[in-house]
C-alpha atoms as a PDB file:
ATOM      1  CA  UNK A   1      -2.078 -37.374  30.649  1.00  0.00           C
ATOM      2  CA  UNK A   2      -5.350 -36.607  28.866  1.00  0.00           C
ATOM      3  CA  UNK A   3      -5.677 -34.412  25.817  1.00  0.00           C
ATOM      4  CA  UNK A   4      -7.713 -31.929  27.867  1.00  0.00           C
ATOM      5  CA  UNK A   5      -4.792 -31.597  30.282  1.00  0.00           C
ATOM      6  CA  UNK A   6      -2.459 -30.998  27.330  1.00  0.00           C
ATOM      7  CA  UNK A   7      -4.758 -28.264  26.054  1.00  0.00           C
ATOM      8  CA  UNK A   8      -4.598 -26.593  29.474  1.00  0.00           C
ATOM      9  CA  UNK A   9      -0.785 -26.719  29.327  1.00  0.00           C
ATOM     10  CA  UNK A  10      -0.901 -25.258  25.817  1.00  0.00           C
ATOM     11  CA  UNK A  11      -3.100 -22.437  27.125  1.00  0.00           C
ATOM     12  CA  UNK A  12      -0.548 -21.753  29.873  1.00  0.00           C
ATOM     13  CA  UNK A  13       2.153 -21.581  27.223  1.00  0.00           C
ATOM     14  CA  UNK A  14       0.082 -19.026  25.309  1.00  0.00           C
ATOM     15  CA  UNK A  15      -0.590 -17.029  28.479  1.00  0.00           C
ATOM     16  CA  UNK A  16       3.137 -16.840  29.262  1.00  0.00           C
ATOM     17  CA  UNK A  17       3.860 -15.554  25.764  1.00  0.00           C
ATOM     18  CA  UNK A  18       0.999 -13.055  25.946  1.00  0.00           C
ATOM     19  CA  UNK A  19       2.409 -11.531  29.150  1.00  0.00           C
ATOM     20  CA  UNK A  20       5.692 -10.802  27.376  1.00  0.00           C
ATOM     21  CA  UNK A  21       3.841  -9.447  24.337  1.00  0.00           C
ATOM     22  CA  UNK A  22       1.727  -7.127  26.490  1.00  0.00           C
ATOM     23  CA  UNK A  23       4.809  -5.820  28.290  1.00  0.00           C
ATOM     24  CA  UNK A  24       6.632  -5.185  25.008  1.00  0.00           C
ATOM     25  CA  UNK A  25       3.617  -3.442  23.441  1.00  0.00           C
ATOM     26  CA  UNK A  26       3.284  -1.109  26.431  1.00  0.00           C
ATOM     27  CA  UNK A  27       6.940  -0.182  26.053  1.00  0.00           C
ATOM     28  CA  UNK A  28       6.434   0.332  22.320  1.00  0.00           C
ATOM     29  CA  UNK A  29       3.443   2.570  22.983  1.00  0.00           C
ATOM     30  CA  UNK A  30       5.536   4.763  25.289  1.00  0.00           C
ATOM     31  CA  UNK A  31       8.315   4.941  22.685  1.00  0.00           C
ATOM     32  CA  UNK A  32       5.805   5.852  19.965  1.00  0.00           C
ATOM     33  CA  UNK A  33       4.128   8.613  21.985  1.00  0.00           C
ATOM     34  CA  UNK A  34       7.505  10.093  22.939  1.00  0.00           C
ATOM     35  CA  UNK A  35       8.597   9.988  19.299  1.00  0.00           C
ATOM     36  CA  UNK A  36       5.443  11.692  18.043  1.00  0.00           C
ATOM     37  CA  UNK A  37       5.820  14.463  20.638  1.00  0.00           C
ATOM     38  CA  UNK A  38       9.425  15.007  19.562  1.00  0.00           C
ATOM     39  CA  UNK A  39       8.471  15.123  15.881  1.00  0.00           C
ATOM     40  CA  UNK A  40       5.655  17.584  16.525  1.00  0.00           C
ATOM     41  CA  UNK A  41       7.828  19.844  18.725  1.00  0.00           C
ATOM     42  CA  UNK A  42      11.139  19.779  16.848  1.00  0.00           C
ATOM     43  CA  UNK A  43       9.867  19.454  13.278  1.00  0.00           C
ATOM     44  CA  UNK A  44       6.194  19.903  12.445  1.00  0.00           C
ATOM     45  CA  UNK A  45       5.448  22.926  14.644  1.00  0.00           C
ATOM     46  CA  UNK A  46       8.500  24.697  13.214  1.00  0.00           C
ATOM     47  CA  UNK A  47       7.474  24.276   9.593  1.00  0.00           C
ATOM     48  CA  UNK A  48       6.818  27.531   7.769  1.00  0.00           C
ATOM     49  CA  UNK A  49       3.404  27.826   6.127  1.00  0.00           C
ATOM     50  CA  UNK A  50       1.946  30.311   3.652  1.00  0.00           C
ATOM     51  CA  UNK A  51      -1.132  32.489   4.112  1.00  0.00           C
ATOM     52  CA  UNK A  52      -3.349  29.573   3.064  1.00  0.00           C
ATOM     53  CA  UNK A  53      -1.918  27.275   5.722  1.00  0.00           C
ATOM     54  CA  UNK A  54       0.073  25.220   3.197  1.00  0.00           C
ATOM     55  CA  UNK A  55       3.573  24.060   4.076  1.00  0.00           C
ATOM     56  CA  UNK A  56       6.174  26.062   2.165  1.00  0.00           C
ATOM     57  CA  UNK A  57       8.841  24.402   0.039  1.00  0.00           C
ATOM     58  CA  UNK A  58      11.823  26.369   1.235  1.00  0.00           C
ATOM     59  CA  UNK A  59      15.298  25.876   2.673  1.00  0.00           C
ATOM     60  CA  UNK A  60      14.182  25.948   6.309  1.00  0.00           C
ATOM     61  CA  UNK A  61      11.545  23.272   5.805  1.00  0.00           C
ATOM     62  CA  UNK A  62      13.969  21.071   3.889  1.00  0.00           C
ATOM     63  CA  UNK A  63      16.361  21.352   6.818  1.00  0.00           C
ATOM     64  CA  UNK A  64      13.547  20.328   9.157  1.00  0.00           C
ATOM     65  CA  UNK A  65      12.938  17.220   7.037  1.00  0.00           C
ATOM     66  CA  UNK A  66      16.636  16.384   7.410  1.00  0.00           C
ATOM     67  CA  UNK A  67      16.198  16.811  11.171  1.00  0.00           C
ATOM     68  CA  UNK A  68      13.236  14.439  11.030  1.00  0.00           C
ATOM     69  CA  UNK A  69      15.446  11.816   9.381  1.00  0.00           C
ATOM     70  CA  UNK A  70      17.954  12.069  12.237  1.00  0.00           C
ATOM     71  CA  UNK A  71      15.223  11.846  14.867  1.00  0.00           C
ATOM     72  CA  UNK A  72      13.807   8.678  13.284  1.00  0.00           C
ATOM     73  CA  UNK A  73      17.273   7.115  13.065  1.00  0.00           C
ATOM     74  CA  UNK A  74      17.935   7.710  16.761  1.00  0.00           C
ATOM     75  CA  UNK A  75      14.863   5.985  18.221  1.00  0.00           C
ATOM     76  CA  UNK A  76      15.940   3.693  21.064  1.00  0.00           C
ATOM     77  CA  UNK A  77      14.230   0.289  21.166  1.00  0.00           C
ATOM     78  CA  UNK A  78      16.602  -1.122  23.796  1.00  0.00           C
ATOM     79  CA  UNK A  79      13.862  -1.635  26.410  1.00  0.00           C
ATOM     80  CA  UNK A  80      11.840  -3.843  24.070  1.00  0.00           C
ATOM     81  CA  UNK A  81      14.897  -5.810  22.998  1.00  0.00           C
ATOM     82  CA  UNK A  82      15.716  -6.396  26.670  1.00  0.00           C
ATOM     83  CA  UNK A  83      12.144  -7.582  27.324  1.00  0.00           C
ATOM     84  CA  UNK A  84      12.529 -10.104  24.504  1.00  0.00           C
ATOM     85  CA  UNK A  85      15.816 -11.408  25.800  1.00  0.00           C
ATOM     86  CA  UNK A  86      14.483 -11.722  29.346  1.00  0.00           C
ATOM     87  CA  UNK A  87      11.328 -13.384  28.056  1.00  0.00           C
ATOM     88  CA  UNK A  88      13.134 -16.144  26.188  1.00  0.00           C
ATOM     89  CA  UNK A  89      13.495 -18.291  29.309  1.00  0.00           C
ATOM     90  CA  UNK A  90       9.810 -17.839  30.131  1.00  0.00           C
ATOM     91  CA  UNK A  91       8.710 -18.944  26.660  1.00  0.00           C
ATOM     92  CA  UNK A  92      11.123 -21.887  26.610  1.00  0.00           C
ATOM     93  CA  UNK A  93      10.184 -23.072  30.106  1.00  0.00           C
ATOM     94  CA  UNK A  94       6.435 -22.935  29.431  1.00  0.00           C
ATOM     95  CA  UNK A  95       6.991 -24.854  26.184  1.00  0.00           C
ATOM     96  CA  UNK A  96       9.211 -27.464  27.844  1.00  0.00           C
ATOM     97  CA  UNK A  97       6.601 -27.908  30.555  1.00  0.00           C
ATOM     98  CA  UNK A  98       4.105 -28.995  27.898  1.00  0.00           C
ATOM     99  CA  UNK A  99       6.412 -31.829  26.834  1.00  0.00           C
ATOM    100  CA  UNK A 100       7.007 -33.301  30.296  1.00  0.00           C
ATOM    101  CA  UNK A 101       4.326 -35.921  29.625  1.00  0.00           C
ATOM    102  CA  UNK A 102       6.271 -37.174  26.574  1.00  0.00           C
ATOM    103  CA  UNK A 103       9.806 -37.174  27.996  1.00  0.00           C
ATOM    104  CA  UNK A 104      11.181 -40.343  29.528  1.00  0.00           C
ATOM    105  CA  UNK A 105      14.428 -38.876  30.867  1.00  0.00           C
ATOM    106  CA  UNK A 106      14.875 -35.516  32.581  1.00  0.00           C
ATOM    107  CA  UNK A 107      18.131 -35.069  30.675  1.00  0.00           C
ATOM    108  CA  UNK A 108      16.151 -34.977  27.438  1.00  0.00           C
ATOM    109  CA  UNK A 109      13.936 -32.169  28.712  1.00  0.00           C
ATOM    110  CA  UNK A 110      16.946 -30.099  29.767  1.00  0.00           C
ATOM    111  CA  UNK A 111      18.659 -30.742  26.436  1.00  0.00           C
ATOM    112  CA  UNK A 112      15.530 -29.575  24.584  1.00  0.00           C
ATOM    113  CA  UNK A 113      15.336 -26.484  26.757  1.00  0.00           C
ATOM    114  CA  UNK A 114      18.978 -25.517  26.213  1.00  0.00           C
ATOM    115  CA  UNK A 115      18.742 -26.082  22.461  1.00  0.00           C
ATOM    116  CA  UNK A 116      15.661 -23.874  22.287  1.00  0.00           C
ATOM    117  CA  UNK A 117      17.350 -21.057  24.238  1.00  0.00           C
ATOM    118  CA  UNK A 118      20.418 -21.295  22.013  1.00  0.00           C
ATOM    119  CA  UNK A 119      18.282 -21.114  18.870  1.00  0.00           C
ATOM    120  CA  UNK A 120      16.172 -18.168  20.035  1.00  0.00           C
ATOM    121  CA  UNK A 121      19.184 -16.180  21.208  1.00  0.00           C
ATOM    122  CA  UNK A 122      20.607 -16.370  17.686  1.00  0.00           C
ATOM    123  CA  UNK A 123      17.454 -15.046  16.021  1.00  0.00           C
ATOM    124  CA  UNK A 124      17.604 -11.273  15.559  1.00  0.00           C
ATOM    125  CA  UNK A 125      14.872  -8.972  16.779  1.00  0.00           C
ATOM    126  CA  UNK A 126      15.323  -5.575  15.175  1.00  0.00           C
ATOM    127  CA  UNK A 127      12.354  -3.255  15.694  1.00  0.00           C
ATOM    128  CA  UNK A 128      12.474  -0.039  13.708  1.00  0.00           C
ATOM    129  CA  UNK A 129      10.415   2.967  12.720  1.00  0.00           C
ATOM    130  CA  UNK A 130       8.198   2.435   9.673  1.00  0.00           C
ATOM    131  CA  UNK A 131      10.302   2.688   6.522  1.00  0.00           C
ATOM    132  CA  UNK A 132       7.852   4.980   4.724  1.00  0.00           C
ATOM    133  CA  UNK A 133       7.037   7.277   7.653  1.00  0.00           C
ATOM    134  CA  UNK A 134       9.257  10.185   6.586  1.00  0.00           C
ATOM    135  CA  UNK A 135       8.447   9.748   2.907  1.00  0.00           C
ATOM    136  CA  UNK A 136       4.744   9.848   3.703  1.00  0.00           C
ATOM    137  CA  UNK A 137       5.181  13.288   5.285  1.00  0.00           C
ATOM    138  CA  UNK A 138       7.262  14.505   2.329  1.00  0.00           C
ATOM    139  CA  UNK A 139       4.634  13.276  -0.146  1.00  0.00           C
ATOM    140  CA  UNK A 140       1.875  15.129   1.681  1.00  0.00           C
ATOM    141  CA  UNK A 141       3.889  18.323   1.732  1.00  0.00           C
ATOM    142  CA  UNK A 142       4.648  18.014  -1.997  1.00  0.00           C
ATOM    143  CA  UNK A 143       0.930  17.607  -2.681  1.00  0.00           C
ATOM    144  CA  UNK A 144       0.200  20.840  -0.874  1.00  0.00           C
ATOM    145  CA  UNK A 145      -1.450  19.311   2.186  1.00  0.00           C
ATOM    146  CA  UNK A 146      -2.297  21.946   4.775  1.00  0.00           C
ATOM    147  CA  UNK A 147      -0.422  22.109   8.063  1.00  0.00           C
ATOM    148  CA  UNK A 148      -3.462  21.200  10.185  1.00  0.00           C
ATOM    149  CA  UNK A 149      -4.262  18.210   7.976  1.00  0.00           C
ATOM    150  CA  UNK A 150      -0.627  17.121   8.085  1.00  0.00           C
ATOM    151  CA  UNK A 151      -0.651  17.117  11.890  1.00  0.00           C
ATOM    152  CA  UNK A 152      -4.032  15.386  12.032  1.00  0.00           C
ATOM    153  CA  UNK A 153      -3.066  12.626   9.579  1.00  0.00           C
ATOM    154  CA  UNK A 154       0.331  11.855  11.102  1.00  0.00           C
ATOM    155  CA  UNK A 155       0.626   8.042  10.898  1.00  0.00           C
ATOM    156  CA  UNK A 156       1.783   5.784  13.706  1.00  0.00           C
ATOM    157  CA  UNK A 157       5.576   5.668  13.255  1.00  0.00           C
ATOM    158  CA  UNK A 158       5.929   2.277  14.967  1.00  0.00           C
ATOM    159  CA  UNK A 159       3.009   0.237  13.585  1.00  0.00           C
ATOM    160  CA  UNK A 160       5.437  -2.087  11.766  1.00  0.00           C
ATOM    161  CA  UNK A 161       7.328  -2.656  15.018  1.00  0.00           C
ATOM    162  CA  UNK A 162       4.039  -3.575  16.695  1.00  0.00           C
ATOM    163  CA  UNK A 163       3.473  -6.282  14.081  1.00  0.00           C
ATOM    164  CA  UNK A 164       7.055  -7.444  14.562  1.00  0.00           C
ATOM    165  CA  UNK A 165       6.528  -7.829  18.316  1.00  0.00           C
ATOM    166  CA  UNK A 166       3.542 -10.106  17.746  1.00  0.00           C
ATOM    167  CA  UNK A 167       5.094 -12.160  14.959  1.00  0.00           C
ATOM    168  CA  UNK A 168       8.463 -12.560  16.651  1.00  0.00           C
ATOM    169  CA  UNK A 169       7.034 -13.810  19.932  1.00  0.00           C
ATOM    170  CA  UNK A 170       4.373 -16.176  18.663  1.00  0.00           C
ATOM    171  CA  UNK A 171       6.384 -17.498  15.744  1.00  0.00           C
ATOM    172  CA  UNK A 172       9.391 -18.190  17.951  1.00  0.00           C
ATOM    173  CA  UNK A 173       7.152 -20.048  20.360  1.00  0.00           C
ATOM    174  CA  UNK A 174       5.847 -22.178  17.487  1.00  0.00           C
ATOM    175  CA  UNK A 175       9.317 -22.847  16.116  1.00  0.00           C
ATOM    176  CA  UNK A 176      10.643 -24.276  19.379  1.00  0.00           C
ATOM    177  CA  UNK A 177       7.398 -26.215  19.904  1.00  0.00           C
ATOM    178  CA  UNK A 178       7.944 -27.873  16.520  1.00  0.00           C
ATOM    179  CA  UNK A 179      11.632 -28.506  17.305  1.00  0.00           C
ATOM    180  CA  UNK A 180      10.857 -30.156  20.650  1.00  0.00           C
ATOM    181  CA  UNK A 181       8.137 -32.284  19.075  1.00  0.00           C
ATOM    182  CA  UNK A 182      10.520 -33.365  16.324  1.00  0.00           C
ATOM    183  CA  UNK A 183      13.180 -34.291  18.879  1.00  0.00           C
ATOM    184  CA  UNK A 184      10.626 -36.545  20.588  1.00  0.00           C
ATOM    185  CA  UNK A 185       9.502 -37.911  17.197  1.00  0.00           C
ATOM    186  CA  UNK A 186       5.915 -36.703  17.677  1.00  0.00           C
ATOM    187  CA  UNK A 187       4.167 -36.565  14.304  1.00  0.00           C
ATOM    188  CA  UNK A 188       0.591 -35.747  15.316  1.00  0.00           C
ATOM    189  CA  UNK A 189      -0.849 -32.422  16.423  1.00  0.00           C
ATOM    190  CA  UNK A 190      -3.838 -30.685  17.909  1.00  0.00           C
ATOM    191  CA  UNK A 191      -4.942 -27.275  16.632  1.00  0.00           C
ATOM    192  CA  UNK A 192      -5.469 -25.110  19.723  1.00  0.00           C
ATOM    193  CA  UNK A 193      -6.147 -21.483  20.578  1.00  0.00           C
ATOM    194  CA  UNK A 194      -9.906 -21.137  20.820  1.00  0.00           C
ATOM    195  CA  UNK A 195     -12.375 -19.120  18.768  1.00  0.00           C
ATOM    196  CA  UNK A 196     -13.117 -15.382  18.898  1.00  0.00           C
ATOM    197  CA  UNK A 197     -15.459 -13.199  16.833  1.00  0.00           C
ATOM    198  CA  UNK A 198     -12.936 -12.504  14.059  1.00  0.00           C
ATOM    199  CA  UNK A 199     -11.421 -15.991  13.870  1.00  0.00           C
ATOM    200  CA  UNK A 200     -10.874 -17.074  10.283  1.00  0.00           C
ATOM    201  CA  UNK A 201     -13.047 -19.822   8.831  1.00  0.00           C
ATOM    202  CA  UNK A 202      -9.834 -21.797   8.314  1.00  0.00           C
ATOM    203  CA  UNK A 203      -9.177 -21.722  12.069  1.00  0.00           C
ATOM    204  CA  UNK A 204     -12.786 -22.346  13.068  1.00  0.00           C
ATOM    205  CA  UNK A 205     -12.802 -25.533  11.016  1.00  0.00           C
ATOM    206  CA  UNK A 206      -9.627 -26.827  12.689  1.00  0.00           C
ATOM    207  CA  UNK A 207      -9.772 -25.613  16.269  1.00  0.00           C
ATOM    208  CA  UNK A 208      -9.689 -28.500  18.799  1.00  0.00           C
ATOM    209  CA  UNK A 209      -9.181 -31.063  16.041  1.00  0.00           C
ATOM    210  CA  UNK A 210      -6.187 -33.367  15.492  1.00  0.00           C
ATOM    211  CA  UNK A 211      -4.001 -33.755  12.406  1.00  0.00           C
ATOM    212  CA  UNK A 212      -1.053 -35.711  11.077  1.00  0.00           C
ATOM    213  CA  UNK A 213       2.082 -33.986   9.800  1.00  0.00           C
ATOM    214  CA  UNK A 214       1.110 -34.937   6.244  1.00  0.00           C
ATOM    215  CA  UNK A 215      -2.352 -33.401   6.625  1.00  0.00           C
ATOM    216  CA  UNK A 216      -0.844 -30.191   7.970  1.00  0.00           C
ATOM    217  CA  UNK A 217       1.693 -29.887   5.148  1.00  0.00           C
ATOM    218  CA  UNK A 218      -1.184 -30.098   2.652  1.00  0.00           C
ATOM    219  CA  UNK A 219      -2.371 -26.692   3.918  1.00  0.00           C
ATOM    220  CA  UNK A 220       0.507 -25.161   1.959  1.00  0.00           C
ATOM    221  CA  UNK A 221      -1.490 -25.890  -1.207  1.00  0.00           C
ATOM    222  CA  UNK A 222      -4.675 -24.228   0.056  1.00  0.00           C
ATOM    223  CA  UNK A 223      -5.807 -20.614  -0.330  1.00  0.00           C
ATOM    224  CA  UNK A 224      -7.735 -18.511   2.190  1.00  0.00           C
ATOM    225  CA  UNK A 225      -8.050 -14.894   3.222  1.00  0.00           C
ATOM    226  CA  UNK A 226      -5.243 -13.870   5.562  1.00  0.00           C
ATOM    227  CA  UNK A 227      -2.861 -16.669   4.612  1.00  0.00           C
ATOM    228  CA  UNK A 228       0.782 -15.649   5.065  1.00  0.00           C
ATOM    229  CA  UNK A 229       3.205 -15.570   2.149  1.00  0.00           C
ATOM    230  CA  UNK A 230       5.542 -17.356   2.346  1.00  0.00           C
ATOM    231  CA  UNK A 231       3.613 -19.825   4.477  1.00  0.00           C
ATOM    232  CA  UNK A 232       4.853 -22.449   6.922  1.00  0.00           C
ATOM    233  CA  UNK A 233       1.877 -24.166   8.595  1.00  0.00           C
ATOM    234  CA  UNK A 234       3.827 -24.959  11.754  1.00  0.00           C
ATOM    235  CA  UNK A 235       4.978 -21.352  12.156  1.00  0.00           C
ATOM    236  CA  UNK A 236       2.172 -19.294  10.584  1.00  0.00           C
ATOM    237  CA  UNK A 237      -0.712 -21.694  11.390  1.00  0.00           C
ATOM    238  CA  UNK A 238      -3.819 -19.747  10.235  1.00  0.00           C
ATOM    239  CA  UNK A 239      -1.972 -16.779   8.730  1.00  0.00           C
ATOM    240  CA  UNK A 240      -1.212 -13.179   9.663  1.00  0.00           C
ATOM    241  CA  UNK A 241      -1.639 -12.380  13.365  1.00  0.00           C
ATOM    242  CA  UNK A 242      -3.013 -15.873  14.030  1.00  0.00           C
ATOM    243  CA  UNK A 243      -2.903 -16.854  17.715  1.00  0.00           C
ATOM    244  CA  UNK A 244      -3.528 -20.556  17.174  1.00  0.00           C
ATOM    245  CA  UNK A 245      -0.856 -23.172  17.679  1.00  0.00           C
ATOM    246  CA  UNK A 246      -0.173 -26.703  16.549  1.00  0.00           C
ATOM    247  CA  UNK A 247       0.748 -28.688  19.661  1.00  0.00           C
ATOM    248  CA  UNK A 248       2.298 -32.162  19.314  1.00  0.00           C
ATOM    249  CA  UNK A 249       0.366 -35.130  20.705  1.00  0.00           C
ATOM    250  CA  UNK A 250       0.855 -38.897  20.750  1.00  0.00           C
ATOM    251  CA  UNK A 251      -0.363 -41.191  17.981  1.00  0.00           C
ATOM    252  CA  UNK A 252      -2.710 -42.812  20.518  1.00  0.00           C
ATOM    253  CA  UNK A 253      -4.375 -39.464  21.137  1.00  0.00           C
ATOM    254  CA  UNK A 254      -4.641 -38.853  17.424  1.00  0.00           C
ATOM    255  CA  UNK A 255      -6.237 -42.241  16.810  1.00  0.00           C
ATOM    256  CA  UNK A 256      -8.751 -41.591  19.547  1.00  0.00           C
ATOM    257  CA  UNK A 257      -9.829 -38.145  18.364  1.00  0.00           C
ATOM    258  CA  UNK A 258      -9.308 -38.132  14.593  1.00  0.00           C
ATOM    259  CA  UNK A 259     -12.357 -36.898  12.701  1.00  0.00           C
ATOM    260  CA  UNK A 260     -13.820 -35.681  15.996  1.00  0.00           C
ATOM    261  CA  UNK A 261     -14.128 -32.318  17.686  1.00  0.00           C
ATOM    262  CA  UNK A 262     -12.441 -32.512  21.089  1.00  0.00           C
ATOM    263  CA  UNK A 263     -14.987 -31.505  23.742  1.00  0.00           C
END
């Protein structure tokens, strides 16, 4: 198999993960919109304001803030959790398919697949409402923010969950890719994922180039804008919200393409 064919398989792996991500984000968007409507109807629109449009600090409004706390604690993320669980097989199968070219026995491929499923099933995925969402509203009220401004500036209550969806999916994909490569004793990698307008310089310099494990581990000692902390190059690759991946390749492929940009 050529390195170009491996890149195409890596792109299919990414596409499979992206489908699950898109589905989960649509569900999260519906949950967020429903939550905001509930907060506006059951809390914000019932707040008492003074003649200047400022939110009063009285017993009724304090009770409404307690109601807000209960509403936030009762948000149901079950649909997204179910999407993740159902998507595990898809991610594992697309990853295992990449390694078919390196596996000599079909039993090895099935073993790798089962180990990956077992590992992912044990990793928790716990989306939640932003920790500071309620406190942000309380702070604005205490500062005398007007009712209209409070409504207008209401933050997205699930933005942290959105980040979690991305990180959980793509990082899990990278973890099992590394595990399968390690099982097959593959110690060389290609940096894949393509380039878009906002790609980091770090990624632009490495995209479609090959590296040894030692070279990759040296990235831990580098500094660049957007680098994750803590940082694992095989999991975080180029940093926060990075869509690139390090895909294992043979030593022969590395020797052929080292110090070269793969066409």
